[in-house]
């Protein structure tokens, strides 16, 4: 199997960030922003008391909170989190997950287990690691087709 073919069959588990970065549902917007800043990440999952994913907070949500003057007021993170149905399983194909992110207009996809507990996060940036080998594969195939036509 070629390197590009192997990348086409790559699984989420091979690209997701682990362990998952989570904050409790009773955290504040400031807590979420501080965690994201300290860890240099673009999103965190919000979990309930049982550890199940309740939602996700992204950089965009924090920007929204800033523009609406919600920062510094002990506003709960649950007031701005997205309760998303866009999630992935670790054994799912990366190509499928990227397609879901594109169609859903999101850059972060939580990876959860069958019980709804966070396992990791995959971002478009993580997924872009597959791009270079795929482009090389496409260019190689294009060159082969052109050479075959010239014969």
N, C-alpha and C. Protein backbone atom coordinates (compact mmCIF):
# COMPACT_ATOMS: atom_id res chain seq x y z
N UNK A 1 0.85 -1.18 0.00
CA UNK A 1 0.00 0.00 0.00
C UNK A 1 0.90 1.24 0.00
N UNK A 2 0.55 2.22 -0.85
CA UNK A 2 1.35 3.44 -0.92
C UNK A 2 1.11 4.28 0.33
N UNK A 3 2.03 5.21 0.55
CA UNK A 3 1.90 6.10 1.72
C UNK A 3 0.62 6.92 1.63
N UNK A 4 0.29 7.40 0.41
CA UNK A 4 -0.92 8.19 0.23
C UNK A 4 -2.16 7.34 0.48
N UNK A 5 -2.16 6.09 0.01
CA UNK A 5 -3.30 5.21 0.24
C UNK A 5 -3.47 4.94 1.73
N UNK A 6 -2.35 4.75 2.41
CA UNK A 6 -2.41 4.55 3.86
C UNK A 6 -3.01 5.76 4.55
N UNK A 7 -2.64 6.97 4.08
CA UNK A 7 -3.20 8.18 4.67
C UNK A 7 -4.68 8.31 4.41
N UNK A 8 -5.15 7.84 3.27
CA UNK A 8 -6.58 7.89 2.97
C UNK A 8 -7.38 7.03 3.94
N UNK A 9 -6.77 5.99 4.46
CA UNK A 9 -7.47 5.11 5.39
C UNK A 9 -7.12 5.44 6.85
N UNK A 10 -6.47 6.56 7.08
CA UNK A 10 -6.08 6.97 8.44
C UNK A 10 -7.32 7.12 9.32
N UNK A 11 -7.15 6.79 10.56
CA UNK A 11 -8.24 6.86 11.54
C UNK A 11 -8.07 8.09 12.43
N UNK A 12 -9.17 8.54 12.98
CA UNK A 12 -9.17 9.68 13.90
C UNK A 12 -8.17 9.45 15.03
N UNK A 13 -8.13 8.25 15.55
CA UNK A 13 -7.24 7.95 16.70
C UNK A 13 -5.78 8.28 16.40
N UNK A 14 -5.42 8.27 15.11
CA UNK A 14 -4.03 8.55 14.73
C UNK A 14 -3.72 10.04 14.70
N UNK A 15 -4.74 10.89 14.75
CA UNK A 15 -4.54 12.33 14.62
C UNK A 15 -5.08 13.14 15.80
N UNK A 16 -5.93 12.54 16.62
CA UNK A 16 -6.58 13.32 17.68
C UNK A 16 -5.59 13.69 18.78
N UNK A 17 -5.88 14.82 19.38
CA UNK A 17 -5.10 15.30 20.53
C UNK A 17 -5.61 14.58 21.77
N UNK A 18 -4.70 13.93 22.49
CA UNK A 18 -5.06 13.25 23.72
C UNK A 18 -4.07 13.64 24.81
N UNK A 19 -4.43 13.66 26.05
CA UNK A 19 -5.79 13.46 26.54
C UNK A 19 -6.67 14.65 26.19
N UNK A 20 -7.98 14.47 26.25
CA UNK A 20 -8.87 15.59 25.90
C UNK A 20 -8.76 16.71 26.92
N UNK A 21 -8.85 17.92 26.43
CA UNK A 21 -8.83 19.09 27.31
C UNK A 21 -10.29 19.42 27.65
N UNK A 22 -10.61 19.33 28.91
CA UNK A 22 -11.99 19.52 29.36
C UNK A 22 -12.05 20.52 30.50
N UNK A 23 -13.23 21.10 30.64
CA UNK A 23 -13.54 21.95 31.78
C UNK A 23 -14.92 21.54 32.29
N UNK A 24 -15.17 21.72 33.58
CA UNK A 24 -16.48 21.35 34.12
C UNK A 24 -17.56 22.34 33.69
N UNK A 25 -18.78 21.87 33.65
CA UNK A 25 -19.92 22.69 33.23
C UNK A 25 -20.13 23.91 34.14
N UNK A 26 -19.64 23.85 35.36
CA UNK A 26 -19.82 25.00 36.27
C UNK A 26 -18.68 26.02 36.17
N UNK A 27 -17.77 25.81 35.22
CA UNK A 27 -16.68 26.78 35.00
C UNK A 27 -17.22 28.06 34.39
N UNK A 28 -16.44 29.12 34.49
CA UNK A 28 -16.85 30.41 33.90
C UNK A 28 -16.19 30.58 32.52
N UNK A 29 -16.69 31.55 31.79
CA UNK A 29 -16.10 31.88 30.49
C UNK A 29 -14.62 32.23 30.69
N UNK A 30 -14.31 32.95 31.75
CA UNK A 30 -12.92 33.32 32.04
C UNK A 30 -12.06 32.08 32.28
N UNK A 31 -12.62 31.08 32.97
CA UNK A 31 -11.89 29.83 33.19
C UNK A 31 -11.55 29.16 31.85
N UNK A 32 -12.54 29.12 30.97
CA UNK A 32 -12.35 28.49 29.66
C UNK A 32 -11.28 29.24 28.86
N UNK A 33 -11.39 30.55 28.83
CA UNK A 33 -10.41 31.36 28.08
C UNK A 33 -9.01 31.18 28.65
N UNK A 34 -8.90 31.16 29.98
CA UNK A 34 -7.60 30.97 30.62
C UNK A 34 -7.00 29.60 30.31
N UNK A 35 -7.82 28.58 30.33
CA UNK A 35 -7.35 27.23 30.01
C UNK A 35 -6.86 27.16 28.57
N UNK A 36 -7.64 27.72 27.66
CA UNK A 36 -7.26 27.70 26.25
C UNK A 36 -5.97 28.48 26.03
N UNK A 37 -5.83 29.60 26.68
CA UNK A 37 -4.61 30.41 26.55
C UNK A 37 -3.40 29.67 27.11
N UNK A 38 -3.55 29.15 28.33
CA UNK A 38 -2.44 28.46 28.99
C UNK A 38 -1.96 27.24 28.21
N UNK A 39 -2.90 26.52 27.58
CA UNK A 39 -2.56 25.30 26.86
C UNK A 39 -2.32 25.54 25.37
N UNK A 40 -2.51 26.79 24.93
CA UNK A 40 -2.33 27.15 23.52
C UNK A 40 -3.17 26.26 22.61
N UNK A 41 -4.47 26.18 22.93
CA UNK A 41 -5.40 25.36 22.16
C UNK A 41 -6.60 26.20 21.73
N UNK A 42 -7.30 25.73 20.72
CA UNK A 42 -8.41 26.49 20.15
C UNK A 42 -9.78 26.08 20.64
N UNK A 43 -9.84 25.04 21.49
CA UNK A 43 -11.14 24.61 21.99
C UNK A 43 -10.96 23.73 23.22
N UNK A 44 -12.02 23.67 24.01
CA UNK A 44 -12.09 22.75 25.15
C UNK A 44 -13.49 22.15 25.18
N UNK A 45 -13.56 20.93 25.64
CA UNK A 45 -14.87 20.29 25.81
C UNK A 45 -15.38 20.61 27.21
N UNK A 46 -16.67 20.83 27.29
CA UNK A 46 -17.33 21.06 28.57
C UNK A 46 -17.96 19.72 28.98
N UNK A 47 -17.69 19.30 30.22
CA UNK A 47 -18.22 18.02 30.69
C UNK A 47 -19.13 18.22 31.90
N UNK A 48 -20.13 17.34 32.00
CA UNK A 48 -21.04 17.38 33.15
C UNK A 48 -20.39 16.65 34.33
N UNK A 49 -21.12 16.55 35.41
CA UNK A 49 -20.57 15.95 36.64
C UNK A 49 -20.18 14.48 36.47
N UNK A 50 -20.83 13.80 35.53
CA UNK A 50 -20.51 12.39 35.27
C UNK A 50 -19.38 12.22 34.25
N UNK A 51 -18.87 13.33 33.73
CA UNK A 51 -17.78 13.27 32.77
C UNK A 51 -18.22 13.11 31.32
N UNK A 52 -19.52 13.25 31.07
CA UNK A 52 -20.03 13.18 29.70
C UNK A 52 -19.90 14.56 29.03
N UNK A 53 -19.64 14.55 27.74
CA UNK A 53 -19.52 15.81 27.02
C UNK A 53 -20.87 16.53 26.99
N UNK A 54 -20.86 17.77 27.45
CA UNK A 54 -22.07 18.60 27.44
C UNK A 54 -22.03 19.61 26.31
N UNK A 55 -20.82 19.96 25.86
CA UNK A 55 -20.68 20.95 24.80
C UNK A 55 -19.22 21.23 24.51
N UNK A 56 -19.00 22.25 23.71
CA UNK A 56 -17.64 22.64 23.32
C UNK A 56 -17.55 24.16 23.31
N UNK A 57 -16.41 24.66 23.73
CA UNK A 57 -16.10 26.09 23.67
C UNK A 57 -14.93 26.26 22.72
N UNK A 58 -15.06 27.18 21.78
CA UNK A 58 -13.99 27.43 20.81
C UNK A 58 -13.53 28.88 20.91
N UNK A 59 -12.47 29.18 20.16
CA UNK A 59 -11.97 30.56 20.11
C UNK A 59 -13.08 31.52 19.69
N UNK A 60 -13.89 31.10 18.76
CA UNK A 60 -14.99 31.96 18.28
C UNK A 60 -15.98 32.27 19.39
N UNK A 61 -16.25 31.28 20.25
CA UNK A 61 -17.16 31.52 21.38
C UNK A 61 -16.57 32.54 22.34
N UNK A 62 -15.26 32.46 22.56
CA UNK A 62 -14.60 33.41 23.45
C UNK A 62 -14.65 34.82 22.85
N UNK A 63 -14.43 34.92 21.54
CA UNK A 63 -14.55 36.24 20.87
C UNK A 63 -15.96 36.80 21.01
N UNK A 64 -16.95 35.95 20.86
CA UNK A 64 -18.34 36.37 21.05
C UNK A 64 -18.53 36.92 22.47
N UNK A 65 -18.01 36.20 23.46
CA UNK A 65 -18.15 36.63 24.86
C UNK A 65 -17.49 37.97 25.09
N UNK A 66 -16.33 38.20 24.48
CA UNK A 66 -15.63 39.48 24.62
C UNK A 66 -16.47 40.60 24.01
N UNK A 67 -16.98 40.38 22.80
CA UNK A 67 -17.74 41.44 22.12
C UNK A 67 -19.05 41.75 22.82
N UNK A 68 -19.58 40.80 23.58
CA UNK A 68 -20.83 41.01 24.33
C UNK A 68 -20.59 41.38 25.78
N UNK A 69 -19.34 41.68 26.12
CA UNK A 69 -18.95 42.09 27.48
C UNK A 69 -19.33 41.06 28.54
N UNK A 70 -19.12 39.79 28.23
CA UNK A 70 -19.44 38.72 29.17
C UNK A 70 -18.23 38.26 29.98
N UNK A 71 -17.07 38.80 29.67
CA UNK A 71 -15.84 38.40 30.34
C UNK A 71 -15.69 39.17 31.65
N UNK A 72 -15.15 38.49 32.67
CA UNK A 72 -14.92 39.13 33.96
C UNK A 72 -16.17 39.28 34.79
N UNK A 73 -17.21 38.54 34.48
CA UNK A 73 -18.48 38.68 35.20
C UNK A 73 -18.99 37.37 35.77
N UNK A 74 -18.12 36.37 35.87
CA UNK A 74 -18.50 35.05 36.38
C UNK A 74 -19.67 34.43 35.61
N UNK A 75 -19.73 34.68 34.32
CA UNK A 75 -20.77 34.10 33.47
C UNK A 75 -20.41 32.64 33.21
N UNK A 76 -21.36 31.73 33.41
CA UNK A 76 -21.05 30.31 33.21
C UNK A 76 -20.76 29.98 31.75
N UNK A 77 -19.82 29.08 31.56
CA UNK A 77 -19.41 28.67 30.22
C UNK A 77 -20.59 28.05 29.45
N UNK A 78 -21.52 27.47 30.19
CA UNK A 78 -22.67 26.84 29.55
C UNK A 78 -23.54 27.84 28.80
N UNK A 79 -23.41 29.12 29.12
CA UNK A 79 -24.23 30.13 28.45
C UNK A 79 -23.77 30.43 27.03
N UNK A 80 -22.53 30.07 26.69
CA UNK A 80 -22.04 30.32 25.33
C UNK A 80 -21.54 29.07 24.62
N UNK A 81 -21.49 27.94 25.32
CA UNK A 81 -20.97 26.73 24.69
C UNK A 81 -21.91 26.25 23.59
N UNK A 82 -21.34 25.54 22.64
CA UNK A 82 -22.14 24.91 21.60
C UNK A 82 -22.47 23.50 22.05
N UNK A 83 -23.76 23.18 22.00
CA UNK A 83 -24.19 21.81 22.28
C UNK A 83 -24.26 21.12 20.93
N UNK A 84 -23.14 20.57 20.54
CA UNK A 84 -23.00 20.05 19.18
C UNK A 84 -23.33 18.58 19.06
N UNK A 85 -23.86 18.24 17.92
CA UNK A 85 -24.07 16.82 17.59
C UNK A 85 -22.96 16.35 16.65
N UNK A 86 -22.06 17.28 16.29
CA UNK A 86 -20.93 16.95 15.42
C UNK A 86 -19.81 16.38 16.28
N UNK A 87 -19.66 15.07 16.21
CA UNK A 87 -18.63 14.38 16.99
C UNK A 87 -18.06 13.25 16.15
N UNK A 88 -17.01 12.63 16.64
CA UNK A 88 -16.39 11.52 15.94
C UNK A 88 -16.05 10.41 16.92
N UNK A 89 -15.87 9.22 16.36
CA UNK A 89 -15.38 8.10 17.16
C UNK A 89 -13.92 7.87 16.76
N UNK A 90 -13.13 7.28 17.64
CA UNK A 90 -11.71 7.12 17.34
C UNK A 90 -11.42 6.21 16.15
N UNK A 91 -12.32 5.30 15.83
CA UNK A 91 -12.09 4.35 14.73
C UNK A 91 -12.64 4.84 13.39
N UNK A 92 -13.19 6.01 13.40
CA UNK A 92 -13.74 6.60 12.18
C UNK A 92 -12.61 7.08 11.28
N UNK A 93 -12.85 7.07 9.98
CA UNK A 93 -11.84 7.54 9.04
C UNK A 93 -11.64 9.04 9.12
N UNK A 94 -10.41 9.47 8.99
CA UNK A 94 -10.08 10.89 9.05
C UNK A 94 -10.76 11.66 7.91
N UNK A 95 -10.81 11.06 6.72
CA UNK A 95 -11.43 11.73 5.59
C UNK A 95 -12.90 12.00 5.88
N UNK A 96 -13.59 11.06 6.50
CA UNK A 96 -15.00 11.23 6.87
C UNK A 96 -15.15 12.37 7.88
N UNK A 97 -14.26 12.42 8.85
CA UNK A 97 -14.33 13.46 9.87
C UNK A 97 -14.07 14.84 9.28
N UNK A 98 -13.10 14.95 8.38
CA UNK A 98 -12.81 16.23 7.74
C UNK A 98 -14.02 16.68 6.92
N UNK A 99 -14.64 15.75 6.22
CA UNK A 99 -15.84 16.07 5.45
C UNK A 99 -16.94 16.59 6.38
N UNK A 100 -17.11 15.98 7.54
CA UNK A 100 -18.11 16.42 8.51
C UNK A 100 -17.79 17.83 9.01
N UNK A 101 -16.50 18.11 9.27
CA UNK A 101 -16.11 19.44 9.73
C UNK A 101 -16.39 20.49 8.65
N UNK A 102 -16.07 20.17 7.41
CA UNK A 102 -16.30 21.12 6.31
C UNK A 102 -17.79 21.39 6.16
N UNK A 103 -18.58 20.34 6.11
CA UNK A 103 -20.03 20.50 5.95
C UNK A 103 -20.66 21.21 7.14
N UNK A 104 -20.12 20.97 8.33
CA UNK A 104 -20.65 21.60 9.54
C UNK A 104 -20.09 22.98 9.82
N UNK A 105 -19.09 23.40 9.04
CA UNK A 105 -18.50 24.72 9.24
C UNK A 105 -17.75 24.86 10.56
N UNK A 106 -17.10 23.77 11.00
CA UNK A 106 -16.37 23.80 12.27
C UNK A 106 -14.92 23.42 12.04
N UNK A 107 -14.07 23.82 12.98
CA UNK A 107 -12.64 23.51 12.89
C UNK A 107 -12.17 22.53 13.94
N UNK A 108 -13.07 22.19 14.87
CA UNK A 108 -12.73 21.26 15.95
C UNK A 108 -13.83 20.21 16.06
N UNK A 109 -13.43 18.95 16.18
CA UNK A 109 -14.40 17.87 16.27
C UNK A 109 -14.07 17.02 17.50
N UNK A 110 -14.97 17.03 18.49
CA UNK A 110 -14.73 16.20 19.67
C UNK A 110 -14.77 14.71 19.32
N UNK A 111 -13.89 13.96 19.95
CA UNK A 111 -13.88 12.51 19.79
C UNK A 111 -14.35 11.92 21.10
N UNK A 112 -15.43 11.14 21.03
CA UNK A 112 -16.03 10.60 22.25
C UNK A 112 -16.18 9.09 22.15
N UNK A 113 -16.33 8.45 23.31
CA UNK A 113 -16.57 7.01 23.32
C UNK A 113 -18.08 6.76 23.19
N UNK A 114 -18.46 5.49 23.21
CA UNK A 114 -19.87 5.13 23.00
C UNK A 114 -20.77 5.63 24.13
N UNK A 115 -20.19 5.97 25.28
CA UNK A 115 -20.96 6.48 26.41
C UNK A 115 -21.01 8.01 26.46
N UNK A 116 -20.38 8.66 25.47
CA UNK A 116 -20.40 10.13 25.43
C UNK A 116 -19.30 10.78 26.23
N UNK A 117 -18.30 10.01 26.64
CA UNK A 117 -17.19 10.59 27.39
C UNK A 117 -16.06 10.97 26.44
N UNK A 118 -15.45 12.13 26.67
CA UNK A 118 -14.38 12.61 25.78
C UNK A 118 -13.16 11.72 25.76
N UNK A 119 -12.66 11.49 24.55
CA UNK A 119 -11.42 10.73 24.36
C UNK A 119 -10.31 11.61 23.80
N UNK A 120 -10.70 12.65 23.05
CA UNK A 120 -9.73 13.52 22.41
C UNK A 120 -10.43 14.55 21.55
N UNK A 121 -9.62 15.28 20.81
CA UNK A 121 -10.14 16.32 19.91
C UNK A 121 -9.32 16.25 18.63
N UNK A 122 -9.99 16.41 17.50
CA UNK A 122 -9.28 16.52 16.24
C UNK A 122 -9.63 17.87 15.64
N UNK A 123 -8.61 18.56 15.16
CA UNK A 123 -8.84 19.87 14.56
C UNK A 123 -8.46 19.82 13.09
N UNK A 124 -8.91 20.81 12.35
CA UNK A 124 -8.53 20.89 10.94
C UNK A 124 -7.00 20.94 10.83
N UNK A 125 -6.36 21.63 11.75
CA UNK A 125 -4.89 21.72 11.73
C UNK A 125 -4.28 20.32 11.89
N UNK A 126 -4.83 19.51 12.80
CA UNK A 126 -4.35 18.14 12.96
C UNK A 126 -4.53 17.35 11.67
N UNK A 127 -5.70 17.50 11.08
CA UNK A 127 -6.05 16.75 9.88
C UNK A 127 -5.22 17.17 8.68
N UNK A 128 -4.73 18.38 8.66
CA UNK A 128 -3.96 18.86 7.51
C UNK A 128 -2.62 18.14 7.39
N UNK A 129 -2.22 17.40 8.40
CA UNK A 129 -1.00 16.61 8.32
C UNK A 129 -1.06 15.56 7.22
N UNK A 130 -2.24 15.26 6.75
CA UNK A 130 -2.43 14.28 5.69
C UNK A 130 -2.29 14.91 4.30
N UNK A 131 -2.34 16.21 4.21
CA UNK A 131 -2.41 16.91 2.93
C UNK A 131 -1.18 16.72 2.04
N UNK A 132 0.00 16.91 2.57
CA UNK A 132 1.21 16.83 1.74
C UNK A 132 1.36 15.48 1.04
N UNK A 133 1.26 14.36 1.76
CA UNK A 133 1.38 13.08 1.06
C UNK A 133 0.29 12.87 0.01
N UNK A 134 -0.92 13.35 0.29
CA UNK A 134 -2.01 13.18 -0.68
C UNK A 134 -1.75 14.00 -1.94
N UNK A 135 -1.27 15.22 -1.77
CA UNK A 135 -0.97 16.05 -2.94
C UNK A 135 0.15 15.43 -3.77
N UNK A 136 1.16 14.90 -3.12
CA UNK A 136 2.24 14.24 -3.84
C UNK A 136 1.70 13.05 -4.63
N UNK A 137 0.80 12.30 -4.02
CA UNK A 137 0.19 11.15 -4.68
C UNK A 137 -0.61 11.59 -5.91
N UNK A 138 -1.42 12.64 -5.76
CA UNK A 138 -2.23 13.16 -6.88
C UNK A 138 -1.32 13.64 -8.02
N UNK A 139 -0.28 14.39 -7.68
CA UNK A 139 0.63 14.88 -8.72
C UNK A 139 1.34 13.73 -9.43
N UNK A 140 1.73 12.72 -8.67
CA UNK A 140 2.40 11.56 -9.26
C UNK A 140 1.47 10.85 -10.23
N UNK A 141 0.21 10.66 -9.83
CA UNK A 141 -0.76 9.99 -10.70
C UNK A 141 -1.05 10.83 -11.95
N UNK A 142 -1.11 12.14 -11.78
CA UNK A 142 -1.35 13.03 -12.92
C UNK A 142 -0.20 12.94 -13.92
N UNK A 143 1.02 12.93 -13.41
CA UNK A 143 2.20 12.80 -14.29
C UNK A 143 2.17 11.47 -15.04
N UNK A 144 1.80 10.40 -14.35
CA UNK A 144 1.73 9.09 -14.99
C UNK A 144 0.69 9.08 -16.12
N UNK A 145 -0.46 9.70 -15.86
CA UNK A 145 -1.52 9.75 -16.88
C UNK A 145 -1.06 10.55 -18.10
N UNK A 146 -0.40 11.67 -17.84
CA UNK A 146 0.11 12.50 -18.96
C UNK A 146 1.15 11.74 -19.77
N UNK A 147 2.03 11.04 -19.07
CA UNK A 147 3.08 10.26 -19.77
C UNK A 147 2.45 9.15 -20.59
N UNK A 148 1.41 8.51 -20.08
CA UNK A 148 0.75 7.43 -20.80
C UNK A 148 0.05 7.96 -22.05
N UNK A 149 -0.50 9.17 -21.99
CA UNK A 149 -1.18 9.78 -23.14
C UNK A 149 -0.19 10.12 -24.25
N UNK A 150 1.04 10.48 -23.88
CA UNK A 150 2.06 10.85 -24.87
C UNK A 150 2.57 9.64 -25.64
N UNK A 151 2.42 8.46 -25.09
CA UNK A 151 2.94 7.24 -25.74
C UNK A 151 2.08 6.81 -26.87
